[in-house]
Amino acid sequence: MSFLVVFITAPGEAEAEKIARVLVEEKKAACVNIVRNVRSIYCWQGKVEDEAEVLMVCKTRAELFEDLQKRVKDIHPYTVPEIIALPVAAGSADYLAWLNDVTR
């Protein structure tokens, strides 16, 4: 079994909380941490933007990534939301067993 940490940004805490709750309630993620006060500098439509955002750190199983990504795109306010997955190289066996048990 392989696991992922998925980073998703949102324009504010209310939007992040909505997305996080959906992902956890639908068992697409075991846990979502919401990190406030993220500053993002990026290029969008030919302009350099500098915006305050919120970062979600989602823990899930690799085989759920496509469903998680589709669901985020369905409810996210951005046209092109950041959804980036990184593999979990190692982790506590107890935590990973829990992660596996609470997702589907």
PDB file of N, CA and C in Angstrom:
ATOM      1  N   MET A   1       0.847  -1.175   0.000  1.00  0.00           N
ATOM      2  CA  MET A   1       0.000   0.000   0.000  1.00  0.00           C
ATOM      3  C   MET A   1       0.892   1.238   0.000  1.00  0.00           C
ATOM      4  N   SER A   2       0.549   2.215  -0.830  1.00  0.00           N
ATOM      5  CA  SER A   2       1.329   3.450  -0.849  1.00  0.00           C
ATOM      6  C   SER A   2       0.430   4.629  -0.474  1.00  0.00           C
ATOM      7  N   PHE A   3       1.067   5.628   0.110  1.00  0.00           N
ATOM      8  CA  PHE A   3       0.350   6.778   0.646  1.00  0.00           C
ATOM      9  C   PHE A   3       0.906   8.054   0.054  1.00  0.00           C
ATOM     10  N   LEU A   4       0.080   9.110   0.077  1.00  0.00           N
ATOM     11  CA  LEU A   4       0.465  10.414  -0.461  1.00  0.00           C
ATOM     12  C   LEU A   4       0.165  11.516   0.551  1.00  0.00           C
ATOM     13  N   VAL A   5       0.944  12.583   0.462  1.00  0.00           N
ATOM     14  CA  VAL A   5       0.616  13.857   1.079  1.00  0.00           C
ATOM     15  C   VAL A   5       0.264  14.776  -0.083  1.00  0.00           C
ATOM     16  N   VAL A   6      -0.911  15.372  -0.036  1.00  0.00           N
ATOM     17  CA  VAL A   6      -1.388  16.215  -1.133  1.00  0.00           C
ATOM     18  C   VAL A   6      -1.499  17.647  -0.628  1.00  0.00           C
ATOM     19  N   PHE A   7      -0.860  18.567  -1.357  1.00  0.00           N
ATOM     20  CA  PHE A   7      -0.928  19.995  -1.040  1.00  0.00           C
ATOM     21  C   PHE A   7      -1.983  20.643  -1.921  1.00  0.00           C
ATOM     22  N   ILE A   8      -2.867  21.404  -1.281  1.00  0.00           N
ATOM     23  CA  ILE A   8      -3.910  22.143  -1.997  1.00  0.00           C
ATOM     24  C   ILE A   8      -3.980  23.532  -1.377  1.00  0.00           C
ATOM     25  N   THR A   9      -3.948  24.567  -2.200  1.00  0.00           N
ATOM     26  CA  THR A   9      -4.125  25.917  -1.671  1.00  0.00           C
ATOM     27  C   THR A   9      -5.557  26.380  -1.911  1.00  0.00           C
ATOM     28  N   ALA A  10      -5.994  27.319  -1.078  1.00  0.00           N
ATOM     29  CA  ALA A  10      -7.328  27.910  -1.196  1.00  0.00           C
ATOM     30  C   ALA A  10      -7.219  29.391  -0.858  1.00  0.00           C
ATOM     31  N   PRO A  11      -8.191  30.190  -1.296  1.00  0.00           N
ATOM     32  CA  PRO A  11      -8.101  31.630  -1.060  1.00  0.00           C
ATOM     33  C   PRO A  11      -8.337  32.047   0.391  1.00  0.00           C
ATOM     34  N   GLY A  12      -8.936  31.184   1.193  1.00  0.00           N
ATOM     35  CA  GLY A  12      -9.198  31.551   2.579  1.00  0.00           C
ATOM     36  C   GLY A  12      -9.543  30.334   3.414  1.00  0.00           C
ATOM     37  N   GLU A  13      -9.637  30.566   4.715  1.00  0.00           N
ATOM     38  CA  GLU A  13      -9.873  29.468   5.651  1.00  0.00           C
ATOM     39  C   GLU A  13     -11.254  28.839   5.488  1.00  0.00           C
ATOM     40  N   ALA A  14     -12.258  29.627   5.188  1.00  0.00           N
ATOM     41  CA  ALA A  14     -13.608  29.077   5.025  1.00  0.00           C
ATOM     42  C   ALA A  14     -13.662  28.100   3.857  1.00  0.00           C
ATOM     43  N   GLU A  15     -13.045  28.481   2.737  1.00  0.00           N
ATOM     44  CA  GLU A  15     -13.019  27.588   1.577  1.00  0.00           C
ATOM     45  C   GLU A  15     -12.215  26.332   1.873  1.00  0.00           C
ATOM     46  N   ALA A  16     -11.082  26.489   2.554  1.00  0.00           N
ATOM     47  CA  ALA A  16     -10.247  25.338   2.902  1.00  0.00           C
ATOM     48  C   ALA A  16     -10.998  24.395   3.834  1.00  0.00           C
ATOM     49  N   GLU A  17     -11.701  24.942   4.813  1.00  0.00           N
ATOM     50  CA  GLU A  17     -12.456  24.101   5.744  1.00  0.00           C
ATOM     51  C   GLU A  17     -13.535  23.316   5.001  1.00  0.00           C
ATOM     52  N   LYS A  18     -14.226  23.970   4.066  1.00  0.00           N
ATOM     53  CA  LYS A  18     -15.262  23.287   3.291  1.00  0.00           C
ATOM     54  C   LYS A  18     -14.663  22.120   2.514  1.00  0.00           C
ATOM     55  N   ILE A  19     -13.573  22.362   1.817  1.00  0.00           N
ATOM     56  CA  ILE A  19     -12.919  21.314   1.023  1.00  0.00           C
ATOM     57  C   ILE A  19     -12.418  20.194   1.935  1.00  0.00           C
ATOM     58  N   ALA A  20     -11.768  20.556   3.031  1.00  0.00           N
ATOM     59  CA  ALA A  20     -11.228  19.562   3.959  1.00  0.00           C
ATOM     60  C   ALA A  20     -12.335  18.668   4.511  1.00  0.00           C
ATOM     61  N   ARG A  21     -13.435  19.260   4.931  1.00  0.00           N
ATOM     62  CA  ARG A  21     -14.542  18.475   5.488  1.00  0.00           C
ATOM     63  C   ARG A  21     -15.112  17.499   4.459  1.00  0.00           C
ATOM     64  N   VAL A  22     -15.270  17.963   3.233  1.00  0.00           N
ATOM     65  CA  VAL A  22     -15.776  17.079   2.174  1.00  0.00           C
ATOM     66  C   VAL A  22     -14.824  15.904   1.973  1.00  0.00           C
ATOM     67  N   LEU A  23     -13.535  16.166   1.883  1.00  0.00           N
ATOM     68  CA  LEU A  23     -12.565  15.100   1.634  1.00  0.00           C
ATOM     69  C   LEU A  23     -12.533  14.081   2.767  1.00  0.00           C
ATOM     70  N   VAL A  24     -12.612  14.552   4.005  1.00  0.00           N
ATOM     71  CA  VAL A  24     -12.588  13.632   5.148  1.00  0.00           C
ATOM     72  C   VAL A  24     -13.929  12.899   5.277  1.00  0.00           C
ATOM     73  N   GLU A  25     -15.036  13.619   5.153  1.00  0.00           N
ATOM     74  CA  GLU A  25     -16.351  12.979   5.283  1.00  0.00           C
ATOM     75  C   GLU A  25     -16.577  11.925   4.201  1.00  0.00           C
ATOM     76  N   GLU A  26     -16.059  12.188   2.994  1.00  0.00           N
ATOM     77  CA  GLU A  26     -16.217  11.229   1.891  1.00  0.00           C
ATOM     78  C   GLU A  26     -15.107  10.178   1.883  1.00  0.00           C
ATOM     79  N   LYS A  27     -14.253  10.217   2.891  1.00  0.00           N
ATOM     80  CA  LYS A  27     -13.171   9.243   3.087  1.00  0.00           C
ATOM     81  C   LYS A  27     -12.154   9.218   1.947  1.00  0.00           C
ATOM     82  N   LYS A  28     -11.992  10.365   1.284  1.00  0.00           N
ATOM     83  CA  LYS A  28     -10.963  10.499   0.260  1.00  0.00           C
ATOM     84  C   LYS A  28      -9.624  10.895   0.890  1.00  0.00           C
ATOM     85  N   ALA A  29      -9.682  11.419   2.110  1.00  0.00           N
ATOM     86  CA  ALA A  29      -8.498  11.760   2.891  1.00  0.00           C
ATOM     87  C   ALA A  29      -8.755  11.364   4.336  1.00  0.00           C
ATOM     88  N   ALA A  30      -7.695  10.925   5.005  1.00  0.00           N
ATOM     89  CA  ALA A  30      -7.824  10.560   6.422  1.00  0.00           C
ATOM     90  C   ALA A  30      -7.774  11.795   7.305  1.00  0.00           C
ATOM     91  N   CYS A  31      -6.996  12.771   6.895  1.00  0.00           N
ATOM     92  CA  CYS A  31      -6.754  13.964   7.699  1.00  0.00           C
ATOM     93  C   CYS A  31      -6.360  15.100   6.766  1.00  0.00           C
ATOM     94  N   VAL A  32      -6.812  16.301   7.084  1.00  0.00           N
ATOM     95  CA  VAL A  32      -6.400  17.493   6.346  1.00  0.00           C
ATOM     96  C   VAL A  32      -5.999  18.553   7.354  1.00  0.00           C
ATOM     97  N   ASN A  33      -4.756  18.973   7.296  1.00  0.00           N
ATOM     98  CA  ASN A  33      -4.296  20.084   8.127  1.00  0.00           C
ATOM     99  C   ASN A  33      -4.505  21.371   7.335  1.00  0.00           C
ATOM    100  N   ILE A  34      -4.961  22.416   8.006  1.00  0.00           N
ATOM    101  CA  ILE A  34      -5.145  23.719   7.374  1.00  0.00           C
ATOM    102  C   ILE A  34      -4.123  24.671   7.970  1.00  0.00           C
ATOM    103  N   VAL A  35      -3.267  25.184   7.114  1.00  0.00           N
ATOM    104  CA  VAL A  35      -2.176  26.059   7.534  1.00  0.00           C
ATOM    105  C   VAL A  35      -2.494  27.480   7.059  1.00  0.00           C
ATOM    106  N   ARG A  36      -2.645  28.379   8.009  1.00  0.00           N
ATOM    107  CA  ARG A  36      -2.952  29.781   7.694  1.00  0.00           C
ATOM    108  C   ARG A  36      -1.699  30.548   7.294  1.00  0.00           C
ATOM    109  N   ASN A  37      -1.935  31.743   6.791  1.00  0.00           N
ATOM    110  CA  ASN A  37      -0.883  32.732   6.531  1.00  0.00           C
ATOM    111  C   ASN A  37       0.180  32.251   5.549  1.00  0.00           C
ATOM    112  N   VAL A  38      -0.272  31.680   4.445  1.00  0.00           N
ATOM    113  CA  VAL A  38       0.636  31.307   3.372  1.00  0.00           C
ATOM    114  C   VAL A  38       0.622  32.437   2.356  1.00  0.00           C
ATOM    115  N   ARG A  39       1.782  32.853   1.928  1.00  0.00           N
ATOM    116  CA  ARG A  39       1.891  33.891   0.905  1.00  0.00           C
ATOM    117  C   ARG A  39       2.364  33.226  -0.374  1.00  0.00           C
ATOM    118  N   SER A  40       1.591  33.399  -1.443  1.00  0.00           N
ATOM    119  CA  SER A  40       1.915  32.770  -2.717  1.00  0.00           C
ATOM    120  C   SER A  40       2.230  33.834  -3.757  1.00  0.00           C
ATOM    121  N   ILE A  41       3.371  33.680  -4.388  1.00  0.00           N
ATOM    122  CA  ILE A  41       3.770  34.548  -5.497  1.00  0.00           C
ATOM    123  C   ILE A  41       3.847  33.649  -6.716  1.00  0.00           C
ATOM    124  N   TYR A  42       3.052  33.960  -7.728  1.00  0.00           N
ATOM    125  CA  TYR A  42       2.931  33.080  -8.885  1.00  0.00           C
ATOM    126  C   TYR A  42       2.548  33.879 -10.128  1.00  0.00           C
ATOM    127  N   CYS A  43       2.723  33.260 -11.264  1.00  0.00           N
ATOM    128  CA  CYS A  43       2.362  33.877 -12.532  1.00  0.00           C
ATOM    129  C   CYS A  43       0.989  33.362 -12.946  1.00  0.00           C
ATOM    130  N   TRP A  44       0.070  34.276 -13.240  1.00  0.00           N
ATOM    131  CA  TRP A  44      -1.258  33.896 -13.688  1.00  0.00           C
ATOM    132  C   TRP A  44      -1.710  34.859 -14.774  1.00  0.00           C
ATOM    133  N   GLN A  45      -2.032  34.316 -15.922  1.00  0.00           N
ATOM    134  CA  GLN A  45      -2.511  35.078 -17.074  1.00  0.00           C
ATOM    135  C   GLN A  45      -1.571  36.238 -17.406  1.00  0.00           C
ATOM    136  N   GLY A  46      -0.264  35.936 -17.413  1.00  0.00           N
ATOM    137  CA  GLY A  46       0.749  36.903 -17.817  1.00  0.00           C
ATOM    138  C   GLY A  46       1.159  37.913 -16.769  1.00  0.00           C
ATOM    139  N   LYS A  47       0.602  37.829 -15.565  1.00  0.00           N
ATOM    140  CA  LYS A  47       0.941  38.767 -14.495  1.00  0.00           C
ATOM    141  C   LYS A  47       1.506  38.010 -13.305  1.00  0.00           C
ATOM    142  N   VAL A  48       2.430  38.648 -12.600  1.00  0.00           N
ATOM    143  CA  VAL A  48       2.921  38.085 -11.347  1.00  0.00           C
ATOM    144  C   VAL A  48       1.966  38.513 -10.241  1.00  0.00           C
ATOM    145  N   GLU A  49       1.409  37.531  -9.557  1.00  0.00           N
ATOM    146  CA  GLU A  49       0.444  37.767  -8.479  1.00  0.00           C
ATOM    147  C   GLU A  49       1.125  37.542  -7.135  1.00  0.00           C
ATOM    148  N   ASP A  50       0.641  38.216  -6.114  1.00  0.00           N
ATOM    149  CA  ASP A  50       1.144  38.076  -4.742  1.00  0.00           C
ATOM    150  C   ASP A  50      -0.082  38.050  -3.844  1.00  0.00           C
ATOM    151  N   GLU A  51      -0.449  36.855  -3.379  1.00  0.00           N
ATOM    152  CA  GLU A  51      -1.712  36.685  -2.669  1.00  0.00           C
ATOM    153  C   GLU A  51      -1.539  35.941  -1.349  1.00  0.00           C
ATOM    154  N   ALA A  52      -2.401  36.256  -0.401  1.00  0.00           N
ATOM    155  CA  ALA A  52      -2.510  35.472   0.833  1.00  0.00           C
ATOM    156  C   ALA A  52      -3.381  34.260   0.518  1.00  0.00           C
ATOM    157  N   GLU A  53      -2.957  33.100   0.977  1.00  0.00           N
ATOM    158  CA  GLU A  53      -3.717  31.872   0.772  1.00  0.00           C
ATOM    159  C   GLU A  53      -3.657  31.025   2.032  1.00  0.00           C
ATOM    160  N   VAL A  54      -4.356  29.920   1.982  1.00  0.00           N
ATOM    161  CA  VAL A  54      -4.351  28.916   3.037  1.00  0.00           C
ATOM    162  C   VAL A  54      -3.900  27.622   2.373  1.00  0.00           C
ATOM    163  N   LEU A  55      -3.074  26.841   3.074  1.00  0.00           N
ATOM    164  CA  LEU A  55      -2.566  25.583   2.538  1.00  0.00           C
ATOM    165  C   LEU A  55      -3.224  24.413   3.256  1.00  0.00           C
ATOM    166  N   MET A  56      -3.718  23.469   2.478  1.00  0.00           N
ATOM    167  CA  MET A  56      -4.234  22.224   3.032  1.00  0.00           C
ATOM    168  C   MET A  56      -3.194  21.132   2.799  1.00  0.00           C
ATOM    169  N   VAL A  57      -2.938  20.348   3.819  1.00  0.00           N
ATOM    170  CA  VAL A  57      -2.026  19.211   3.741  1.00  0.00           C
ATOM    171  C   VAL A  57      -2.882  17.972   3.991  1.00  0.00           C
ATOM    172  N   CYS A  58      -3.133  17.206   2.929  1.00  0.00           N
ATOM    173  CA  CYS A  58      -4.043  16.066   2.985  1.00  0.00           C
ATOM    174  C   CYS A  58      -3.240  14.767   2.990  1.00  0.00           C
ATOM    175  N   LYS A  59      -3.665  13.832   3.816  1.00  0.00           N
ATOM    176  CA  LYS A  59      -3.043  12.510   3.835  1.00  0.00           C
ATOM    177  C   LYS A  59      -4.044  11.504   3.287  1.00  0.00           C
ATOM    178  N   THR A  60      -3.592  10.710   2.291  1.00  0.00           N
ATOM    179  CA  THR A  60      -4.481   9.774   1.636  1.00  0.00           C
ATOM    180  C   THR A  60      -3.712   8.586   1.088  1.00  0.00           C
ATOM    181  N   ARG A  61      -4.443   7.635   0.534  1.00  0.00           N
ATOM    182  CA  ARG A  61      -3.830   6.498  -0.151  1.00  0.00           C
ATOM    183  C   ARG A  61      -3.623   6.870  -1.618  1.00  0.00           C
ATOM    184  N   ALA A  62      -2.563   6.372  -2.222  1.00  0.00           N
ATOM    185  CA  ALA A  62      -2.232   6.720  -3.605  1.00  0.00           C
ATOM    186  C   ALA A  62      -3.377   6.390  -4.561  1.00  0.00           C
ATOM    187  N   GLU A  63      -4.047   5.266  -4.353  1.00  0.00           N
ATOM    188  CA  GLU A  63      -5.102   4.875  -5.287  1.00  0.00           C
ATOM    189  C   GLU A  63      -6.337   5.773  -5.207  1.00  0.00           C
ATOM    190  N   LEU A  64      -6.414   6.638  -4.202  1.00  0.00           N
ATOM    191  CA  LEU A  64      -7.541   7.561  -4.074  1.00  0.00           C
ATOM    192  C   LEU A  64      -7.255   8.927  -4.694  1.00  0.00           C
ATOM    193  N   PHE A  65      -6.037   9.126  -5.187  1.00  0.00           N
ATOM    194  CA  PHE A  65      -5.655  10.465  -5.664  1.00  0.00           C
ATOM    195  C   PHE A  65      -6.580  10.973  -6.771  1.00  0.00           C
ATOM    196  N   GLU A  66      -6.877  10.176  -7.760  1.00  0.00           N
ATOM    197  CA  GLU A  66      -7.723  10.648  -8.868  1.00  0.00           C
ATOM    198  C   GLU A  66      -9.100  11.074  -8.382  1.00  0.00           C
ATOM    199  N   ASP A  67      -9.705  10.293  -7.479  1.00  0.00           N
ATOM    200  CA  ASP A  67     -11.012  10.666  -6.920  1.00  0.00           C
ATOM    201  C   ASP A  67     -10.912  11.939  -6.090  1.00  0.00           C
ATOM    202  N   LEU A  68      -9.854  12.046  -5.290  1.00  0.00           N
ATOM    203  CA  LEU A  68      -9.635  13.238  -4.469  1.00  0.00           C
ATOM    204  C   LEU A  68      -9.477  14.466  -5.369  1.00  0.00           C
ATOM    205  N   GLN A  69      -8.659  14.338  -6.392  1.00  0.00           N
ATOM    206  CA  GLN A  69      -8.415  15.460  -7.310  1.00  0.00           C
ATOM    207  C   GLN A  69      -9.703  15.889  -8.011  1.00  0.00           C
ATOM    208  N   LYS A  70     -10.483  14.939  -8.480  1.00  0.00           N
ATOM    209  CA  LYS A  70     -11.738  15.264  -9.160  1.00  0.00           C
ATOM    210  C   LYS A  70     -12.688  15.986  -8.211  1.00  0.00           C
ATOM    211  N   ARG A  71     -12.782  15.500  -6.987  1.00  0.00           N
ATOM    212  CA  ARG A  71     -13.695  16.114  -6.018  1.00  0.00           C
ATOM    213  C   ARG A  71     -13.260  17.537  -5.684  1.00  0.00           C
ATOM    214  N   VAL A  72     -11.961  17.739  -5.508  1.00  0.00           N
ATOM    215  CA  VAL A  72     -11.457  19.089  -5.229  1.00  0.00           C
ATOM    216  C   VAL A  72     -11.805  20.022  -6.388  1.00  0.00           C
ATOM    217  N   LYS A  73     -11.559  19.582  -7.608  1.00  0.00           N
ATOM    218  CA  LYS A  73     -11.873  20.427  -8.772  1.00  0.00           C
ATOM    219  C   LYS A  73     -13.358  20.762  -8.851  1.00  0.00           C
ATOM    220  N   ASP A  74     -14.216  19.835  -8.404  1.00  0.00           N
ATOM    221  CA  ASP A  74     -15.665  20.071  -8.424  1.00  0.00           C
ATOM    222  C   ASP A  74     -16.085  21.188  -7.480  1.00  0.00           C
ATOM    223  N   ILE A  75     -15.388  21.334  -6.338  1.00  0.00           N
ATOM    224  CA  ILE A  75     -15.859  22.270  -5.302  1.00  0.00           C
ATOM    225  C   ILE A  75     -14.924  23.449  -5.055  1.00  0.00           C
ATOM    226  N   HIS A  76     -13.759  23.469  -5.684  1.00  0.00           N
ATOM    227  CA  HIS A  76     -12.769  24.524  -5.434  1.00  0.00           C
ATOM    228  C   HIS A  76     -13.139  25.795  -6.192  1.00  0.00           C
ATOM    229  N   PRO A  77     -12.958  26.969  -5.578  1.00  0.00           N
ATOM    230  CA  PRO A  77     -13.318  28.210  -6.268  1.00  0.00           C
ATOM    231  C   PRO A  77     -12.340  28.623  -7.374  1.00  0.00           C
ATOM    232  N   TYR A  78     -11.126  28.101  -7.384  1.00  0.00           N
ATOM    233  CA  TYR A  78     -10.150  28.481  -8.410  1.00  0.00           C
ATOM    234  C   TYR A  78     -10.418  27.758  -9.721  1.00  0.00           C
ATOM    235  N   THR A  79     -10.092  28.406 -10.829  1.00  0.00           N
ATOM    236  CA  THR A  79     -10.163  27.780 -12.149  1.00  0.00           C
ATOM    237  C   THR A  79      -9.151  26.646 -12.262  1.00  0.00           C
ATOM    238  N   VAL A  80      -7.944  26.893 -11.757  1.00  0.00           N
ATOM    239  CA  VAL A  80      -6.860  25.897 -11.780  1.00  0.00           C
ATOM    240  C   VAL A  80      -6.302  25.780 -10.360  1.00  0.00           C
ATOM    241  N   PRO A  81      -6.932  24.940  -9.528  1.00  0.00           N
ATOM    242  CA  PRO A  81      -6.423  24.816  -8.161  1.00  0.00           C
ATOM    243  C   PRO A  81      -5.097  24.061  -8.113  1.00  0.00           C
ATOM    244  N   GLU A  82      -4.269  24.445  -7.157  1.00  0.00           N
ATOM    245  CA  GLU A  82      -3.035  23.695  -6.906  1.00  0.00           C
ATOM    246  C   GLU A  82      -3.408  22.392  -6.222  1.00  0.00           C
ATOM    247  N   ILE A  83      -3.049  21.289  -6.845  1.00  0.00           N
ATOM    248  CA  ILE A  83      -3.249  19.954  -6.271  1.00  0.00           C
ATOM    249  C   ILE A  83      -1.976  19.182  -6.600  1.00  0.00           C
ATOM    250  N   ILE A  84      -1.094  19.061  -5.626  1.00  0.00           N
ATOM    251  CA  ILE A  84       0.209  18.429  -5.839  1.00  0.00           C
ATOM    252  C   ILE A  84       0.382  17.300  -4.837  1.00  0.00           C
ATOM    253  N   ALA A  85       0.699  16.115  -5.337  1.00  0.00           N
ATOM    254  CA  ALA A  85       0.857  14.945  -4.466  1.00  0.00           C
ATOM    255  C   ALA A  85       2.316  14.531  -4.386  1.00  0.00           C
ATOM    256  N   LEU A  86       2.751  14.236  -3.169  1.00  0.00           N
ATOM    257  CA  LEU A  86       4.096  13.725  -2.922  1.00  0.00           C
ATOM    258  C   LEU A  86       3.981  12.371  -2.228  1.00  0.00           C
ATOM    259  N   PRO A  87       4.830  11.422  -2.602  1.00  0.00           N
ATOM    260  CA  PRO A  87       4.761  10.110  -1.956  1.00  0.00           C
ATOM    261  C   PRO A  87       5.279  10.158  -0.520  1.00  0.00           C
ATOM    262  N   VAL A  88       4.697   9.320   0.318  1.00  0.00           N
ATOM    263  CA  VAL A  88       5.179   9.150   1.686  1.00  0.00           C
ATOM    264  C   VAL A  88       6.243   8.055   1.637  1.00  0.00           C
ATOM    265  N   ALA A  89       7.480   8.418   1.919  1.00  0.00           N
ATOM    266  CA  ALA A  89       8.589   7.457   1.858  1.00  0.00           C
ATOM    267  C   ALA A  89       8.577   6.511   3.051  1.00  0.00           C
ATOM    268  N   ALA A  90       8.157   7.007   4.197  1.00  0.00           N
ATOM    269  CA  ALA A  90       8.109   6.198   5.415  1.00  0.00           C
ATOM    270  C   ALA A  90       7.177   6.889   6.394  1.00  0.00           C
ATOM    271  N   GLY A  91       6.704   6.112   7.379  1.00  0.00           N
ATOM    272  CA  GLY A  91       5.829   6.681   8.386  1.00  0.00           C
ATOM    273  C   GLY A  91       5.595   5.689   9.503  1.00  0.00           C
ATOM    274  N   SER A  92       5.041   6.166  10.557  1.00  0.00           N
ATOM    275  CA  SER A  92       4.690   5.312  11.683  1.00  0.00           C
ATOM    276  C   SER A  92       3.723   4.234  11.205  1.00  0.00           C
ATOM    277  N   ALA A  93       4.029   2.989  11.515  1.00  0.00           N
ATOM    278  CA  ALA A  93       3.158   1.882  11.099  1.00  0.00           C
ATOM    279  C   ALA A  93       1.749   2.055  11.646  1.00  0.00           C
ATOM    280  N   ASP A  94       1.619   2.503  12.881  1.00  0.00           N
ATOM    281  CA  ASP A  94       0.302   2.707  13.477  1.00  0.00           C
ATOM    282  C   ASP A  94      -0.473   3.800  12.746  1.00  0.00           C
ATOM    283  N   TYR A  95       0.200   4.905  12.417  1.00  0.00           N
ATOM    284  CA  TYR A  95      -0.452   6.005  11.715  1.00  0.00           C
ATOM    285  C   TYR A  95      -0.885   5.571  10.316  1.00  0.00           C
ATOM    286  N   LEU A  96      -0.006   4.883   9.596  1.00  0.00           N
ATOM    287  CA  LEU A  96      -0.337   4.449   8.244  1.00  0.00           C
ATOM    288  C   LEU A  96      -1.466   3.418   8.246  1.00  0.00           C
ATOM    289  N   ALA A  97      -1.510   2.567   9.255  1.00  0.00           N
ATOM    290  CA  ALA A  97      -2.614   1.606   9.365  1.00  0.00           C
ATOM    291  C   ALA A  97      -3.934   2.358   9.589  1.00  0.00           C
ATOM    292  N   TRP A  98      -3.901   3.365  10.456  1.00  0.00           N
ATOM    293  CA  TRP A  98      -5.092   4.192  10.685  1.00  0.00           C
ATOM    294  C   TRP A  98      -5.507   4.894   9.397  1.00  0.00           C
ATOM    295  N   LEU A  99      -4.556   5.496   8.695  1.00  0.00           N
ATOM    296  CA  LEU A  99      -4.822   6.191   7.435  1.00  0.00           C
ATOM    297  C   LEU A  99      -5.498   5.235   6.459  1.00  0.00           C
ATOM    298  N   ASN A 100      -4.988   4.035   6.371  1.00  0.00           N
ATOM    299  CA  ASN A 100      -5.561   3.030   5.481  1.00  0.00           C
ATOM    300  C   ASN A 100      -6.980   2.660   5.904  1.00  0.00           C
ATOM    301  N   ASP A 101      -7.204   2.525   7.200  1.00  0.00           N
ATOM    302  CA  ASP A 101      -8.505   2.102   7.708  1.00  0.00           C
ATOM    303  C   ASP A 101      -9.610   3.127   7.504  1.00  0.00           C
ATOM    304  N   VAL A 102      -9.290   4.411   7.563  1.00  0.00           N
ATOM    305  CA  VAL A 102     -10.340   5.440   7.520  1.00  0.00           C
ATOM    306  C   VAL A 102     -10.588   6.009   6.125  1.00  0.00           C
ATOM    307  N   THR A 103      -9.869   5.531   5.133  1.00  0.00           N
ATOM    308  CA  THR A 103     -10.093   5.980   3.756  1.00  0.00           C
ATOM    309  C   THR A 103     -10.674   4.826   2.950  1.00  0.00           C
ATOM    310  N   ARG A 104     -11.290   5.164   1.840  1.00  0.00           N
ATOM    311  CA  ARG A 104     -11.816   4.102   0.970  1.00  0.00           C
ATOM    312  C   ARG A 104     -11.743   4.502  -0.483  1.00  0.00           C
TER     313      ARG A 104
END
